[in-house]
Amino acid sequence: MSDAIKQQWNEAVKSWIVFVRSGKDYHREYLNGPALVRMVGSVEHRNVLDIACGEGYFARLFAKSGAEVTAIDISEAMIEAAKKEEERDSLGIRYLVADAASLNMLESESFDISLCYMALMDIPDYEATIAEVSRLLKRGGRFIILIPHPCFGTRVMDERMVAGWEERLREDGSEEYLYCQVGDYFQRHSFAIEWRKSDRLPSSFVTTSFHRTLSDYVNALTKYGLAVTRLDEPQPIEEGVRVHPSLKKCYRVPESLVIEATKVVR
C-alpha cells in the first residue's frame, strides 16, 4: 500500500506544485495553514521535524521563522522538488526520502517539535508513524497534527458519498451548502480522492486516504506516550471568506482538526 501511495504522489507532483505555490490551495492559505502556525507557535532555535512535507511549503515557512528543519516524505518526486527550491533559496533544510513509519536514520529524542500537515490520514501505518514521532521527540516535545475532521470530513465508500456537504445550485449558478451528512462513522476504510483538473489544478490525479475515528488517533497518541494537550477546530480567516465565499460553510461545521500532543514519557 505504501508503494502505491508513493507512486500516486510521484505522479501528482507537477500539478501539486502549481496548486500549492500559486496560492490556489485556499484552504491552506486561509483556513488550515493559519491554524497550524498558531498551534505550532514560536520555532526560533527549535529542531523541527516535518512529516510528509510534500514539496516543502511548511518546511520553508518554519525555517524562515528560525527553526532547524528536517523534512521527510515518501515521494521521491516531492523531495526532489523541495530540494530544487532549497538550491534556489537555501534555508538549511535537510530533506530525506523516507517512510514516516520507519525513520531509523534519525536520532532518538532529537526534535523539539514535529508536525504533520494534512497527511496522517494518508499514511497506512499511522500507529507506527506516531510511535516513531514519539521516539524522535525530546521529553516535553510536541507533535502537531492537522487532519480532515474525522467526524465531518468528506468520505466516499462503495462509490457513494457517506459523509460531506449536500449541495445544490442556486439560480445564479453559485453553490448552496444545505447540510453536512455523517454516515458509517465507525466503518474504518480506505478511499480514493479524485483531484480533478480545473482552474486550480493543471492536471487530474488520484490519491488514497484512510478513514479512522477520532478515538483511533487519540488512543494511538496516548499509547506511545503523547498526551493531547490542545485541540482546535479551525474557522477561516475573514479575508478568506471574502475571497472564497465557499469557506463560509466552515463557520457552521468544522472541516479540519488540529491536535497538539506532548511527549510525557520516554
Protein backbone atom coordinates (compact mmCIF):
# COMPACT_ATOMS: atom_id res chain seq x y z
CA MET A 1 0.00 0.00 0.00
CA SER A 2 2.83 2.42 0.83
CA ASP A 3 4.40 1.82 -2.59
CA ALA A 4 1.09 2.53 -4.33
CA ILE A 5 0.62 5.74 -2.36
CA LYS A 6 4.17 6.82 -3.12
CA GLN A 7 3.54 6.31 -6.82
CA GLN A 8 0.32 8.33 -6.67
CA TRP A 9 2.13 11.32 -5.16
CA ASN A 10 5.05 10.97 -7.55
CA GLU A 11 2.58 11.27 -10.41
CA ALA A 12 0.80 14.20 -8.78
CA VAL A 13 3.90 16.32 -8.16
CA LYS A 14 3.74 18.74 -11.12
CA SER A 15 0.11 19.60 -10.57
CA TRP A 16 0.57 19.75 -6.80
CA ILE A 17 3.43 22.24 -7.04
CA VAL A 18 1.28 24.60 -9.11
CA PHE A 19 -1.64 24.14 -6.70
CA VAL A 20 0.41 24.97 -3.61
CA ARG A 21 2.95 27.51 -4.84
CA SER A 22 0.45 29.60 -6.82
CA GLY A 23 -1.74 30.14 -3.74
CA LYS A 24 -4.66 28.23 -5.29
CA ASP A 25 -4.85 25.89 -2.30
CA TYR A 26 -7.02 28.40 -0.48
CA HIS A 27 -7.84 26.03 2.37
CA ARG A 28 -4.10 26.06 3.16
CA GLU A 29 -3.89 29.83 2.80
CA TYR A 30 -6.99 30.89 4.72
CA LEU A 31 -8.09 28.02 6.98
CA ASN A 32 -5.67 25.23 7.79
CA GLY A 33 -2.32 26.94 7.35
CA PRO A 34 -3.05 29.75 9.81
CA ALA A 35 -4.41 27.20 12.30
CA LEU A 36 -1.25 25.10 12.08
CA VAL A 37 1.01 28.12 12.54
CA ARG A 38 -0.98 29.26 15.59
CA MET A 39 -0.72 25.84 17.21
CA VAL A 40 2.99 25.40 16.48
CA GLY A 41 3.84 28.85 17.85
CA SER A 42 7.42 30.09 18.07
CA VAL A 43 10.03 27.84 16.44
CA GLU A 44 13.14 30.02 16.80
CA HIS A 45 16.16 27.90 17.70
CA ARG A 46 13.97 24.77 17.72
CA ASN A 47 14.64 21.48 15.96
CA VAL A 48 11.57 20.78 13.86
CA LEU A 49 10.63 17.58 12.01
CA ASP A 50 8.13 17.96 9.17
CA ILE A 51 6.44 14.60 8.50
CA ALA A 52 5.13 14.12 4.92
CA CYS A 53 6.43 17.53 3.90
CA GLY A 54 5.39 17.33 0.25
CA GLU A 55 7.10 19.99 -1.84
CA GLY A 56 8.32 21.76 1.30
CA TYR A 57 5.81 24.56 1.92
CA PHE A 58 5.80 24.41 5.73
CA ALA A 59 9.43 23.33 5.98
CA ARG A 60 10.36 26.61 4.26
CA LEU A 61 7.91 28.64 6.32
CA PHE A 62 9.26 27.41 9.66
CA ALA A 63 12.90 27.58 8.52
CA LYS A 64 12.33 31.24 7.69
CA SER A 65 10.97 31.67 11.24
CA GLY A 66 14.23 30.46 12.76
CA ALA A 67 13.83 26.69 13.06
CA GLU A 68 16.34 24.00 12.21
CA VAL A 69 14.17 21.87 9.94
CA THR A 70 14.37 18.25 8.85
CA ALA A 71 11.64 17.26 6.41
CA ILE A 72 10.70 13.81 5.15
CA ASP A 73 8.35 12.47 2.52
CA ILE A 74 7.78 9.06 0.94
CA SER A 75 7.60 10.59 -2.56
CA GLU A 76 10.96 10.95 -4.29
CA ALA A 77 9.44 13.44 -6.71
CA MET A 78 8.17 15.68 -3.91
CA ILE A 79 11.55 15.65 -2.17
CA GLU A 80 13.32 16.41 -5.44
CA ALA A 81 11.03 19.41 -5.95
CA ALA A 82 11.70 20.58 -2.38
CA LYS A 83 15.46 20.21 -2.81
CA LYS A 84 15.38 22.25 -6.03
CA GLU A 85 13.70 25.07 -4.13
CA GLU A 86 16.33 24.73 -1.39
CA GLU A 87 19.06 25.06 -4.03
CA ARG A 88 17.41 28.21 -5.35
CA ASP A 89 16.95 29.76 -1.91
CA SER A 90 18.98 27.98 0.76
CA LEU A 91 17.35 27.85 4.20
CA GLY A 92 19.41 25.00 5.63
CA ILE A 93 16.59 22.46 5.42
CA ARG A 94 17.53 18.79 5.42
CA TYR A 95 15.23 16.80 3.12
CA LEU A 96 15.02 12.99 3.21
CA VAL A 97 13.05 10.42 1.25
CA ALA A 98 11.60 8.18 3.95
CA ASP A 99 8.54 6.26 5.07
CA ALA A 100 7.15 8.06 8.13
CA ALA A 101 6.60 4.71 9.83
CA SER A 102 10.32 3.88 9.71
CA LEU A 103 12.73 6.72 10.47
CA ASN A 104 15.76 4.80 11.73
CA MET A 105 18.09 7.30 10.07
CA LEU A 106 17.06 9.92 12.65
CA GLU A 107 18.36 10.04 16.21
CA SER A 108 16.03 9.45 19.14
CA GLU A 109 14.98 12.46 21.24
CA SER A 110 16.47 14.96 18.82
CA PHE A 111 13.46 17.15 17.98
CA ASP A 112 11.53 19.78 19.91
CA ILE A 113 8.54 19.84 17.56
CA SER A 114 7.17 17.54 14.90
CA LEU A 115 4.33 18.48 12.57
CA CYS A 116 2.23 16.60 10.07
CA TYR A 117 0.01 18.75 7.86
CA MET A 118 -2.92 17.05 6.12
CA ALA A 119 -1.07 13.76 5.75
CA LEU A 120 -1.50 11.40 8.71
CA MET A 121 -4.82 10.24 7.21
CA ASP A 122 -2.91 9.25 4.04
CA ILE A 123 -0.32 7.13 5.86
CA PRO A 124 -1.27 3.42 6.03
CA ASP A 125 0.56 2.64 9.29
CA TYR A 126 -0.39 5.68 11.31
CA GLU A 127 0.35 3.97 14.64
CA ALA A 128 3.94 3.17 13.64
CA THR A 129 4.31 6.77 12.48
CA ILE A 130 3.10 8.08 15.85
CA ALA A 131 5.47 5.67 17.61
CA GLU A 132 8.39 6.99 15.56
CA VAL A 133 7.49 10.60 16.27
CA SER A 134 7.34 9.81 19.99
CA ARG A 135 10.80 8.21 19.81
CA LEU A 136 12.23 11.22 18.00
CA LEU A 137 10.76 13.90 20.27
CA LYS A 138 12.51 15.15 23.36
CA ARG A 139 10.58 14.82 26.60
CA GLY A 140 8.14 17.73 26.58
CA GLY A 141 8.35 17.92 22.79
CA ARG A 142 5.17 18.46 20.82
CA PHE A 143 3.56 16.69 17.86
CA ILE A 144 1.18 18.95 15.92
CA ILE A 145 -1.21 17.10 13.62
CA LEU A 146 -3.65 18.70 11.19
CA ILE A 147 -6.12 16.34 9.52
CA PRO A 148 -9.57 16.48 7.95
CA HIS A 149 -12.05 16.31 10.79
CA PRO A 150 -12.70 12.59 11.35
CA CYS A 151 -16.34 13.32 12.20
CA PHE A 152 -17.25 15.66 9.36
CA GLY A 153 -14.73 15.23 6.53
CA THR A 154 -15.92 14.23 3.07
CA ARG A 155 -15.72 10.46 2.53
CA VAL A 156 -16.68 8.00 -0.18
CA MET A 157 -17.38 4.33 0.47
CA ASP A 158 -18.54 1.77 -2.11
CA GLU A 159 -18.69 4.57 -4.68
CA ARG A 160 -21.17 6.63 -2.68
CA MET A 161 -20.64 9.67 -0.51
CA VAL A 162 -21.20 8.71 3.13
CA ALA A 163 -20.05 11.99 4.68
CA GLY A 164 -19.79 15.55 3.45
CA TRP A 165 -21.86 18.51 2.33
CA GLU A 166 -25.13 18.16 0.47
CA GLU A 167 -25.17 20.94 -2.11
CA ARG A 168 -27.44 22.47 -4.71
CA LEU A 169 -27.01 25.18 -7.32
CA ARG A 170 -28.76 28.48 -6.87
CA GLU A 171 -30.37 30.23 -9.84
CA ASP A 172 -27.28 32.42 -10.24
CA GLY A 173 -25.09 29.30 -10.57
CA SER A 174 -23.47 29.57 -7.14
CA GLU A 175 -23.35 26.63 -4.75
CA GLU A 176 -25.58 26.46 -1.70
CA TYR A 177 -24.42 24.23 1.14
CA LEU A 178 -27.53 22.75 2.72
CA TYR A 179 -26.26 20.45 5.44
CA CYS A 180 -23.36 18.17 6.30
CA GLN A 181 -24.21 14.49 6.46
CA VAL A 182 -22.34 11.94 8.54
CA GLY A 183 -22.68 8.21 7.95
CA ASP A 184 -20.83 4.97 8.67
CA TYR A 185 -18.53 6.81 11.05
CA PHE A 186 -17.27 3.66 12.76
CA GLN A 187 -16.52 1.88 9.49
CA ARG A 188 -12.75 2.19 9.03
CA HIS A 189 -11.90 2.13 5.34
CA SER A 190 -9.64 3.43 2.63
CA PHE A 191 -10.99 5.52 -0.23
CA ALA A 192 -9.77 7.25 -3.36
CA ILE A 193 -9.72 11.04 -3.61
CA GLU A 194 -10.10 12.34 -7.16
CA TRP A 195 -8.30 15.65 -7.69
CA ARG A 196 -9.85 16.85 -10.94
CA LYS A 197 -8.30 19.20 -13.47
CA SER A 198 -9.63 22.73 -13.00
CA ASP A 199 -8.55 26.35 -12.97
CA ARG A 200 -6.74 25.44 -9.73
CA LEU A 201 -5.18 22.15 -10.86
CA PRO A 202 -3.41 21.85 -14.24
CA SER A 203 -3.98 18.08 -14.38
CA SER A 204 -6.02 15.41 -12.61
CA PHE A 205 -4.65 12.82 -10.21
CA VAL A 206 -5.84 10.35 -7.59
CA THR A 207 -4.63 9.80 -4.02
CA THR A 208 -5.63 7.38 -1.28
CA SER A 209 -6.86 8.27 2.19
CA PHE A 210 -7.92 6.30 5.26
CA HIS A 211 -10.88 7.00 7.48
CA ARG A 212 -10.25 6.47 11.18
CA THR A 213 -12.21 7.68 14.17
CA LEU A 214 -11.16 10.47 16.48
CA SER A 215 -10.64 7.92 19.25
CA ASP A 216 -8.31 5.91 16.98
CA TYR A 217 -5.95 8.86 16.72
CA VAL A 218 -6.18 9.93 20.38
CA ASN A 219 -5.69 6.40 21.70
CA ALA A 220 -2.69 5.84 19.44
CA LEU A 221 -1.08 9.04 20.70
CA THR A 222 -1.68 8.02 24.30
CA LYS A 223 -0.35 4.52 23.65
CA TYR A 224 3.02 5.97 22.66
CA GLY A 225 3.39 8.47 25.48
CA LEU A 226 1.91 11.53 23.79
CA ALA A 227 -0.76 13.33 25.82
CA VAL A 228 -3.28 15.51 23.98
CA THR A 229 -2.73 19.00 25.37
CA ARG A 230 -4.69 21.18 22.93
CA LEU A 231 -7.31 20.87 20.19
CA ASP A 232 -8.51 23.33 17.57
CA GLU A 233 -11.33 23.10 15.05
CA PRO A 234 -10.29 25.91 12.71
CA GLN A 235 -12.53 28.56 11.25
CA PRO A 236 -11.46 30.51 8.16
CA ILE A 237 -9.94 33.94 8.49
CA GLU A 238 -12.21 36.76 7.34
CA GLU A 239 -10.14 37.59 4.27
CA GLY A 240 -10.52 34.02 3.06
CA VAL A 241 -14.30 34.14 3.23
CA ARG A 242 -14.34 37.41 1.31
CA VAL A 243 -12.16 35.97 -1.46
CA HIS A 244 -13.63 32.45 -1.42
CA PRO A 245 -17.24 32.52 -0.15
CA SER A 246 -17.46 28.71 -0.10
CA LEU A 247 -15.26 28.78 3.02
CA LYS A 248 -18.19 30.32 4.89
CA LYS A 249 -19.58 26.82 5.44
CA CYS A 250 -16.65 26.20 7.81
CA TYR A 251 -18.28 28.66 10.22
CA ARG A 252 -21.11 26.12 10.52
CA VAL A 253 -19.29 22.79 10.61
CA PRO A 254 -15.55 22.25 11.19
CA GLU A 255 -13.74 20.86 8.18
CA SER A 256 -10.47 20.05 9.90
CA LEU A 257 -8.94 19.29 13.27
CA VAL A 258 -5.63 20.32 14.84
CA ILE A 259 -4.23 18.19 17.64
CA GLU A 260 -1.29 19.08 19.87
CA ALA A 261 0.18 16.09 21.69
CA THR A 262 3.03 16.48 24.17
CA LYS A 263 5.54 13.77 24.97
CA VAL A 264 5.18 12.92 28.65
CA VAL A 265 7.12 9.63 28.86
CA ARG A 266 10.20 8.18 27.18
